Amino acid sequence: MKLKVPNAIIDLVNLTKAKPILKVEIAKKGNLLYGSKEKFEKFSIYAAGIYADTKFLYNDRRNTLEKKIEARY
């Protein structure tokens, strides 16, 4: 199989190992290069669900980092 994408920068990601935040970004902004649209739509739904389940962890981490930064200044 040969893809023609002249002068494009492409990031390849193993979706089975990607973190939830990256999966949801791929689902929102990514372009399907190979595979079925139906499977990509199922992946998008899965990514949204797994991200929703872990979003509080990302928010806690962000809040902790912001507090540490504020404490320094």
PDB file of N, CA and C in Angstrom:
ATOM      1  N   MET A   1       0.841  -1.179   0.000  1.00  0.00           N
ATOM      2  CA  MET A   1       0.000   0.000   0.000  1.00  0.00           C
ATOM      3  C   MET A   1       0.883   1.238   0.000  1.00  0.00           C
ATOM      4  N   LYS A   2       0.524   2.193  -0.787  1.00  0.00           N
ATOM      5  CA  LYS A   2       1.301   3.416  -0.900  1.00  0.00           C
ATOM      6  C   LYS A   2       0.384   4.613  -0.660  1.00  0.00           C
ATOM      7  N   LEU A   3       0.770   5.462   0.269  1.00  0.00           N
ATOM      8  CA  LEU A   3       0.010   6.680   0.543  1.00  0.00           C
ATOM      9  C   LEU A   3       0.720   7.854  -0.093  1.00  0.00           C
ATOM     10  N   LYS A   4      -0.025   8.693  -0.759  1.00  0.00           N
ATOM     11  CA  LYS A   4       0.549   9.895  -1.348  1.00  0.00           C
ATOM     12  C   LYS A   4       0.158  11.090  -0.493  1.00  0.00           C
ATOM     13  N   VAL A   5       1.123  11.573   0.261  1.00  0.00           N
ATOM     14  CA  VAL A   5       0.916  12.738   1.112  1.00  0.00           C
ATOM     15  C   VAL A   5       2.142  13.634   0.928  1.00  0.00           C
ATOM     16  N   PRO A   6       2.165  14.398  -0.147  1.00  0.00           N
ATOM     17  CA  PRO A   6       3.352  15.206  -0.430  1.00  0.00           C
ATOM     18  C   PRO A   6       3.554  16.320   0.594  1.00  0.00           C
ATOM     19  N   ASN A   7       4.793  16.474   1.013  1.00  0.00           N
ATOM     20  CA  ASN A   7       5.202  17.561   1.906  1.00  0.00           C
ATOM     21  C   ASN A   7       4.382  17.648   3.187  1.00  0.00           C
ATOM     22  N   ALA A   8       3.930  16.527   3.684  1.00  0.00           N
ATOM     23  CA  ALA A   8       3.126  16.527   4.909  1.00  0.00           C
ATOM     24  C   ALA A   8       3.947  15.965   6.063  1.00  0.00           C
ATOM     25  N   ILE A   9       3.683  16.479   7.239  1.00  0.00           N
ATOM     26  CA  ILE A   9       4.287  15.938   8.449  1.00  0.00           C
ATOM     27  C   ILE A   9       3.238  15.031   9.084  1.00  0.00           C
ATOM     28  N   ILE A  10       3.600  13.780   9.265  1.00  0.00           N
ATOM     29  CA  ILE A  10       2.656  12.800   9.786  1.00  0.00           C
ATOM     30  C   ILE A  10       3.229  12.197  11.060  1.00  0.00           C
ATOM     31  N   ASP A  11       2.423  12.186  12.108  1.00  0.00           N
ATOM     32  CA  ASP A  11       2.789  11.514  13.348  1.00  0.00           C
ATOM     33  C   ASP A  11       2.054  10.184  13.399  1.00  0.00           C
ATOM     34  N   LEU A  12       2.802   9.105  13.520  1.00  0.00           N
ATOM     35  CA  LEU A  12       2.196   7.788  13.653  1.00  0.00           C
ATOM     36  C   LEU A  12       2.166   7.418  15.128  1.00  0.00           C
ATOM     37  N   VAL A  13       1.030   6.916  15.577  1.00  0.00           N
ATOM     38  CA  VAL A  13       0.845   6.603  16.986  1.00  0.00           C
ATOM     39  C   VAL A  13       0.242   5.212  17.118  1.00  0.00           C
ATOM     40  N   ASN A  14       0.779   4.433  18.042  1.00  0.00           N
ATOM     41  CA  ASN A  14       0.180   3.149  18.378  1.00  0.00           C
ATOM     42  C   ASN A  14      -1.001   3.442  19.302  1.00  0.00           C
ATOM     43  N   LEU A  15      -2.203   3.343  18.782  1.00  0.00           N
ATOM     44  CA  LEU A  15      -3.390   3.736  19.544  1.00  0.00           C
ATOM     45  C   LEU A  15      -3.661   2.834  20.737  1.00  0.00           C
ATOM     46  N   THR A  16      -3.167   1.612  20.708  1.00  0.00           N
ATOM     47  CA  THR A  16      -3.393   0.734  21.853  1.00  0.00           C
ATOM     48  C   THR A  16      -2.564   1.155  23.056  1.00  0.00           C
ATOM     49  N   LYS A  17      -1.463   1.879  22.824  1.00  0.00           N
ATOM     50  CA  LYS A  17      -0.592   2.304  23.920  1.00  0.00           C
ATOM     51  C   LYS A  17      -0.719   3.789  24.256  1.00  0.00           C
ATOM     52  N   ALA A  18      -1.484   4.521  23.483  1.00  0.00           N
ATOM     53  CA  ALA A  18      -1.608   5.970  23.690  1.00  0.00           C
ATOM     54  C   ALA A  18      -2.417   6.271  24.950  1.00  0.00           C
ATOM     55  N   LYS A  19      -2.095   7.381  25.588  1.00  0.00           N
ATOM     56  CA  LYS A  19      -2.832   7.824  26.772  1.00  0.00           C
ATOM     57  C   LYS A  19      -4.199   8.363  26.347  1.00  0.00           C
ATOM     58  N   PRO A  20      -5.170   8.335  27.257  1.00  0.00           N
ATOM     59  CA  PRO A  20      -6.531   8.779  26.912  1.00  0.00           C
ATOM     60  C   PRO A  20      -6.601  10.183  26.331  1.00  0.00           C
ATOM     61  N   ILE A  21      -5.803  11.101  26.842  1.00  0.00           N
ATOM     62  CA  ILE A  21      -5.856  12.480  26.346  1.00  0.00           C
ATOM     63  C   ILE A  21      -5.395  12.553  24.890  1.00  0.00           C
ATOM     64  N   LEU A  22      -4.415  11.737  24.525  1.00  0.00           N
ATOM     65  CA  LEU A  22      -3.961  11.699  23.133  1.00  0.00           C
ATOM     66  C   LEU A  22      -5.005  11.015  22.248  1.00  0.00           C
ATOM     67  N   LYS A  23      -5.615   9.957  22.751  1.00  0.00           N
ATOM     68  CA  LYS A  23      -6.650   9.267  21.979  1.00  0.00           C
ATOM     69  C   LYS A  23      -7.795  10.202  21.626  1.00  0.00           C
ATOM     70  N   VAL A  24      -8.233  11.010  22.586  1.00  0.00           N
ATOM     71  CA  VAL A  24      -9.358  11.900  22.321  1.00  0.00           C
ATOM     72  C   VAL A  24      -8.951  13.009  21.347  1.00  0.00           C
ATOM     73  N   GLU A  25      -7.714  13.475  21.416  1.00  0.00           N
ATOM     74  CA  GLU A  25      -7.236  14.477  20.455  1.00  0.00           C
ATOM     75  C   GLU A  25      -7.187  13.889  19.047  1.00  0.00           C
ATOM     76  N   ILE A  26      -6.750  12.650  18.946  1.00  0.00           N
ATOM     77  CA  ILE A  26      -6.720  11.982  17.641  1.00  0.00           C
ATOM     78  C   ILE A  26      -8.140  11.812  17.114  1.00  0.00           C
ATOM     79  N   ALA A  27      -9.053  11.424  17.991  1.00  0.00           N
ATOM     80  CA  ALA A  27     -10.449  11.242  17.577  1.00  0.00           C
ATOM     81  C   ALA A  27     -11.056  12.555  17.090  1.00  0.00           C
ATOM     82  N   LYS A  28     -10.690  13.669  17.739  1.00  0.00           N
ATOM     83  CA  LYS A  28     -11.252  14.974  17.373  1.00  0.00           C
ATOM     84  C   LYS A  28     -10.591  15.570  16.134  1.00  0.00           C
ATOM     85  N   LYS A  29      -9.257  15.494  16.078  1.00  0.00           N
ATOM     86  CA  LYS A  29      -8.515  16.242  15.059  1.00  0.00           C
ATOM     87  C   LYS A  29      -7.805  15.380  14.023  1.00  0.00           C
ATOM     88  N   GLY A  30      -7.757  14.075  14.256  1.00  0.00           N
ATOM     89  CA  GLY A  30      -7.004  13.201  13.367  1.00  0.00           C
ATOM     90  C   GLY A  30      -7.723  12.918  12.063  1.00  0.00           C
ATOM     91  N   ASN A  31      -6.949  12.501  11.087  1.00  0.00           N
ATOM     92  CA  ASN A  31      -7.487  12.108   9.783  1.00  0.00           C
ATOM     93  C   ASN A  31      -7.218  10.627   9.564  1.00  0.00           C
ATOM     94  N   LEU A  32      -8.232   9.913   9.174  1.00  0.00           N
ATOM     95  CA  LEU A  32      -8.100   8.493   8.902  1.00  0.00           C
ATOM     96  C   LEU A  32      -7.349   8.304   7.589  1.00  0.00           C
ATOM     97  N   LEU A  33      -6.211   7.635   7.656  1.00  0.00           N
ATOM     98  CA  LEU A  33      -5.425   7.367   6.452  1.00  0.00           C
ATOM     99  C   LEU A  33      -5.696   5.973   5.909  1.00  0.00           C
ATOM    100  N   TYR A  34      -6.001   5.062   6.807  1.00  0.00           N
ATOM    101  CA  TYR A  34      -6.208   3.676   6.398  1.00  0.00           C
ATOM    102  C   TYR A  34      -7.183   3.031   7.370  1.00  0.00           C
ATOM    103  N   GLY A  35      -8.101   2.250   6.870  1.00  0.00           N
ATOM    104  CA  GLY A  35      -9.070   1.569   7.719  1.00  0.00           C
ATOM    105  C   GLY A  35     -10.477   2.039   7.413  1.00  0.00           C
ATOM    106  N   SER A  36     -11.418   1.487   8.150  1.00  0.00           N
ATOM    107  CA  SER A  36     -12.817   1.820   7.880  1.00  0.00           C
ATOM    108  C   SER A  36     -13.278   2.999   8.732  1.00  0.00           C
ATOM    109  N   LYS A  37     -14.162   3.789   8.170  1.00  0.00           N
ATOM    110  CA  LYS A  37     -14.732   4.921   8.900  1.00  0.00           C
ATOM    111  C   LYS A  37     -15.518   4.431  10.110  1.00  0.00           C
ATOM    112  N   GLU A  38     -16.178   3.298   9.955  1.00  0.00           N
ATOM    113  CA  GLU A  38     -16.967   2.737  11.057  1.00  0.00           C
ATOM    114  C   GLU A  38     -16.083   2.415  12.260  1.00  0.00           C
ATOM    115  N   LYS A  39     -14.932   1.804  12.023  1.00  0.00           N
ATOM    116  CA  LYS A  39     -14.020   1.481  13.126  1.00  0.00           C
ATOM    117  C   LYS A  39     -13.453   2.750  13.754  1.00  0.00           C
ATOM    118  N   PHE A  40     -13.191   3.762  12.940  1.00  0.00           N
ATOM    119  CA  PHE A  40     -12.681   5.019  13.483  1.00  0.00           C
ATOM    120  C   PHE A  40     -13.750   5.698  14.335  1.00  0.00           C
ATOM    121  N   GLU A  41     -15.001   5.616  13.914  1.00  0.00           N
ATOM    122  CA  GLU A  41     -16.096   6.180  14.710  1.00  0.00           C
ATOM    123  C   GLU A  41     -16.238   5.442  16.041  1.00  0.00           C
ATOM    124  N   LYS A  42     -16.095   4.124  16.013  1.00  0.00           N
ATOM    125  CA  LYS A  42     -16.137   3.341  17.255  1.00  0.00           C
ATOM    126  C   LYS A  42     -14.970   3.715  18.161  1.00  0.00           C
ATOM    127  N   PHE A  43     -13.798   3.894  17.561  1.00  0.00           N
ATOM    128  CA  PHE A  43     -12.636   4.326  18.332  1.00  0.00           C
ATOM    129  C   PHE A  43     -12.894   5.691  18.961  1.00  0.00           C
ATOM    130  N   SER A  44     -13.510   6.595  18.213  1.00  0.00           N
ATOM    131  CA  SER A  44     -13.797   7.941  18.721  1.00  0.00           C
ATOM    132  C   SER A  44     -14.721   7.890  19.929  1.00  0.00           C
ATOM    133  N   ILE A  45     -15.721   7.044  19.872  1.00  0.00           N
ATOM    134  CA  ILE A  45     -16.642   6.884  21.004  1.00  0.00           C
ATOM    135  C   ILE A  45     -15.905   6.292  22.204  1.00  0.00           C
ATOM    136  N   TYR A  46     -15.082   5.284  21.948  1.00  0.00           N
ATOM    137  CA  TYR A  46     -14.277   4.681  23.010  1.00  0.00           C
ATOM    138  C   TYR A  46     -13.346   5.715  23.635  1.00  0.00           C
ATOM    139  N   ALA A  47     -12.672   6.494  22.793  1.00  0.00           N
ATOM    140  CA  ALA A  47     -11.723   7.498  23.282  1.00  0.00           C
ATOM    141  C   ALA A  47     -12.424   8.534  24.152  1.00  0.00           C
ATOM    142  N   ALA A  48     -13.598   8.974  23.743  1.00  0.00           N
ATOM    143  CA  ALA A  48     -14.351   9.956  24.529  1.00  0.00           C
ATOM    144  C   ALA A  48     -14.731   9.377  25.886  1.00  0.00           C
ATOM    145  N   GLY A  49     -15.128   8.126  25.911  1.00  0.00           N
ATOM    146  CA  GLY A  49     -15.509   7.484  27.170  1.00  0.00           C
ATOM    147  C   GLY A  49     -14.345   7.310  28.117  1.00  0.00           C
ATOM    148  N   ILE A  50     -13.225   6.831  27.598  1.00  0.00           N
ATOM    149  CA  ILE A  50     -12.054   6.613  28.454  1.00  0.00           C
ATOM    150  C   ILE A  50     -11.498   7.943  28.949  1.00  0.00           C
ATOM    151  N   TYR A  51     -11.577   8.972  28.116  1.00  0.00           N
ATOM    152  CA  TYR A  51     -11.126  10.298  28.540  1.00  0.00           C
ATOM    153  C   TYR A  51     -12.040  10.844  29.635  1.00  0.00           C
ATOM    154  N   ALA A  52     -13.343  10.677  29.474  1.00  0.00           N
ATOM    155  CA  ALA A  52     -14.289  11.149  30.492  1.00  0.00           C
ATOM    156  C   ALA A  52     -14.025  10.458  31.830  1.00  0.00           C
ATOM    157  N   ASP A  53     -13.647   9.180  31.772  1.00  0.00           N
ATOM    158  CA  ASP A  53     -13.357   8.435  32.998  1.00  0.00           C
ATOM    159  C   ASP A  53     -12.081   8.898  33.686  1.00  0.00           C
ATOM    160  N   THR A  54     -11.148   9.473  32.939  1.00  0.00           N
ATOM    161  CA  THR A  54      -9.851   9.860  33.516  1.00  0.00           C
ATOM    162  C   THR A  54      -9.627  11.370  33.574  1.00  0.00           C
ATOM    163  N   LYS A  55     -10.591  12.141  33.110  1.00  0.00           N
ATOM    164  CA  LYS A  55     -10.419  13.598  33.052  1.00  0.00           C
ATOM    165  C   LYS A  55     -10.111  14.189  34.426  1.00  0.00           C
ATOM    166  N   PHE A  56     -10.738  13.681  35.471  1.00  0.00           N
ATOM    167  CA  PHE A  56     -10.491  14.216  36.807  1.00  0.00           C
ATOM    168  C   PHE A  56      -9.029  14.057  37.213  1.00  0.00           C
ATOM    169  N   LEU A  57      -8.374  13.000  36.739  1.00  0.00           N
ATOM    170  CA  LEU A  57      -6.954  12.813  37.048  1.00  0.00           C
ATOM    171  C   LEU A  57      -6.099  13.895  36.394  1.00  0.00           C
ATOM    172  N   TYR A  58      -6.422  14.225  35.148  1.00  0.00           N
ATOM    173  CA  TYR A  58      -5.691  15.284  34.454  1.00  0.00           C
ATOM    174  C   TYR A  58      -5.936  16.634  35.122  1.00  0.00           C
ATOM    175  N   ASN A  59      -7.170  16.872  35.547  1.00  0.00           N
ATOM    176  CA  ASN A  59      -7.485  18.133  36.227  1.00  0.00           C
ATOM    177  C   ASN A  59      -6.756  18.234  37.563  1.00  0.00           C
ATOM    178  N   ASP A  60      -6.717  17.140  38.330  1.00  0.00           N
ATOM    179  CA  ASP A  60      -5.983  17.141  39.598  1.00  0.00           C
ATOM    180  C   ASP A  60      -4.501  17.408  39.371  1.00  0.00           C
ATOM    181  N   ARG A  61      -3.948  16.780  38.365  1.00  0.00           N
ATOM    182  CA  ARG A  61      -2.524  16.975  38.067  1.00  0.00           C
ATOM    183  C   ARG A  61      -2.248  18.426  37.684  1.00  0.00           C
ATOM    184  N   ARG A  62      -3.114  19.001  36.841  1.00  0.00           N
ATOM    185  CA  ARG A  62      -2.955  20.389  36.432  1.00  0.00           C
ATOM    186  C   ARG A  62      -3.035  21.319  37.649  1.00  0.00           C
ATOM    187  N   ASN A  63      -4.014  21.084  38.515  1.00  0.00           N
ATOM    188  CA  ASN A  63      -4.167  21.922  39.710  1.00  0.00           C
ATOM    189  C   ASN A  63      -2.953  21.829  40.621  1.00  0.00           C
ATOM    190  N   THR A  64      -2.427  20.630  40.791  1.00  0.00           N
ATOM    191  CA  THR A  64      -1.236  20.443  41.620  1.00  0.00           C
ATOM    192  C   THR A  64      -0.044  21.185  41.028  1.00  0.00           C
ATOM    193  N   LEU A  65       0.147  21.080  39.727  1.00  0.00           N
ATOM    194  CA  LEU A  65       1.259  21.779  39.076  1.00  0.00           C
ATOM    195  C   LEU A  65       1.098  23.292  39.168  1.00  0.00           C
ATOM    196  N   GLU A  66      -0.123  23.788  38.995  1.00  0.00           N
ATOM    197  CA  GLU A  66      -0.362  25.231  39.102  1.00  0.00           C
ATOM    198  C   GLU A  66      -0.054  25.731  40.505  1.00  0.00           C
ATOM    199  N   LYS A  67      -0.432  24.965  41.522  1.00  0.00           N
ATOM    200  CA  LYS A  67      -0.147  25.356  42.909  1.00  0.00           C
ATOM    201  C   LYS A  67       1.353  25.374  43.174  1.00  0.00           C
ATOM    202  N   LYS A  68       2.079  24.401  42.640  1.00  0.00           N
ATOM    203  CA  LYS A  68       3.533  24.361  42.817  1.00  0.00           C
ATOM    204  C   LYS A  68       4.188  25.554  42.131  1.00  0.00           C
ATOM    205  N   ILE A  69       3.703  25.904  40.960  1.00  0.00           N
ATOM    206  CA  ILE A  69       4.256  27.056  40.235  1.00  0.00           C
ATOM    207  C   ILE A  69       3.965  28.341  40.993  1.00  0.00           C
ATOM    208  N   GLU A  70       2.741  28.496  41.485  1.00  0.00           N
ATOM    209  CA  GLU A  70       2.374  29.692  42.254  1.00  0.00           C
ATOM    210  C   GLU A  70       3.204  29.804  43.525  1.00  0.00           C
ATOM    211  N   ALA A  71       3.505  28.678  44.156  1.00  0.00           N
ATOM    212  CA  ALA A  71       4.290  28.681  45.391  1.00  0.00           C
ATOM    213  C   ALA A  71       5.723  29.139  45.145  1.00  0.00           C
ATOM    214  N   ARG A  72       6.216  28.930  43.956  1.00  0.00           N
ATOM    215  CA  ARG A  72       7.585  29.346  43.629  1.00  0.00           C
ATOM    216  C   ARG A  72       7.702  30.849  43.442  1.00  0.00           C
ATOM    217  N   TYR A  73       6.615  31.501  43.043  1.00  0.00           N
ATOM    218  CA  TYR A  73       6.701  32.920  42.701  1.00  0.00           C
ATOM    219  C   TYR A  73       5.971  33.764  43.666  1.00  0.00           C
TER     220      TYR A  73
END
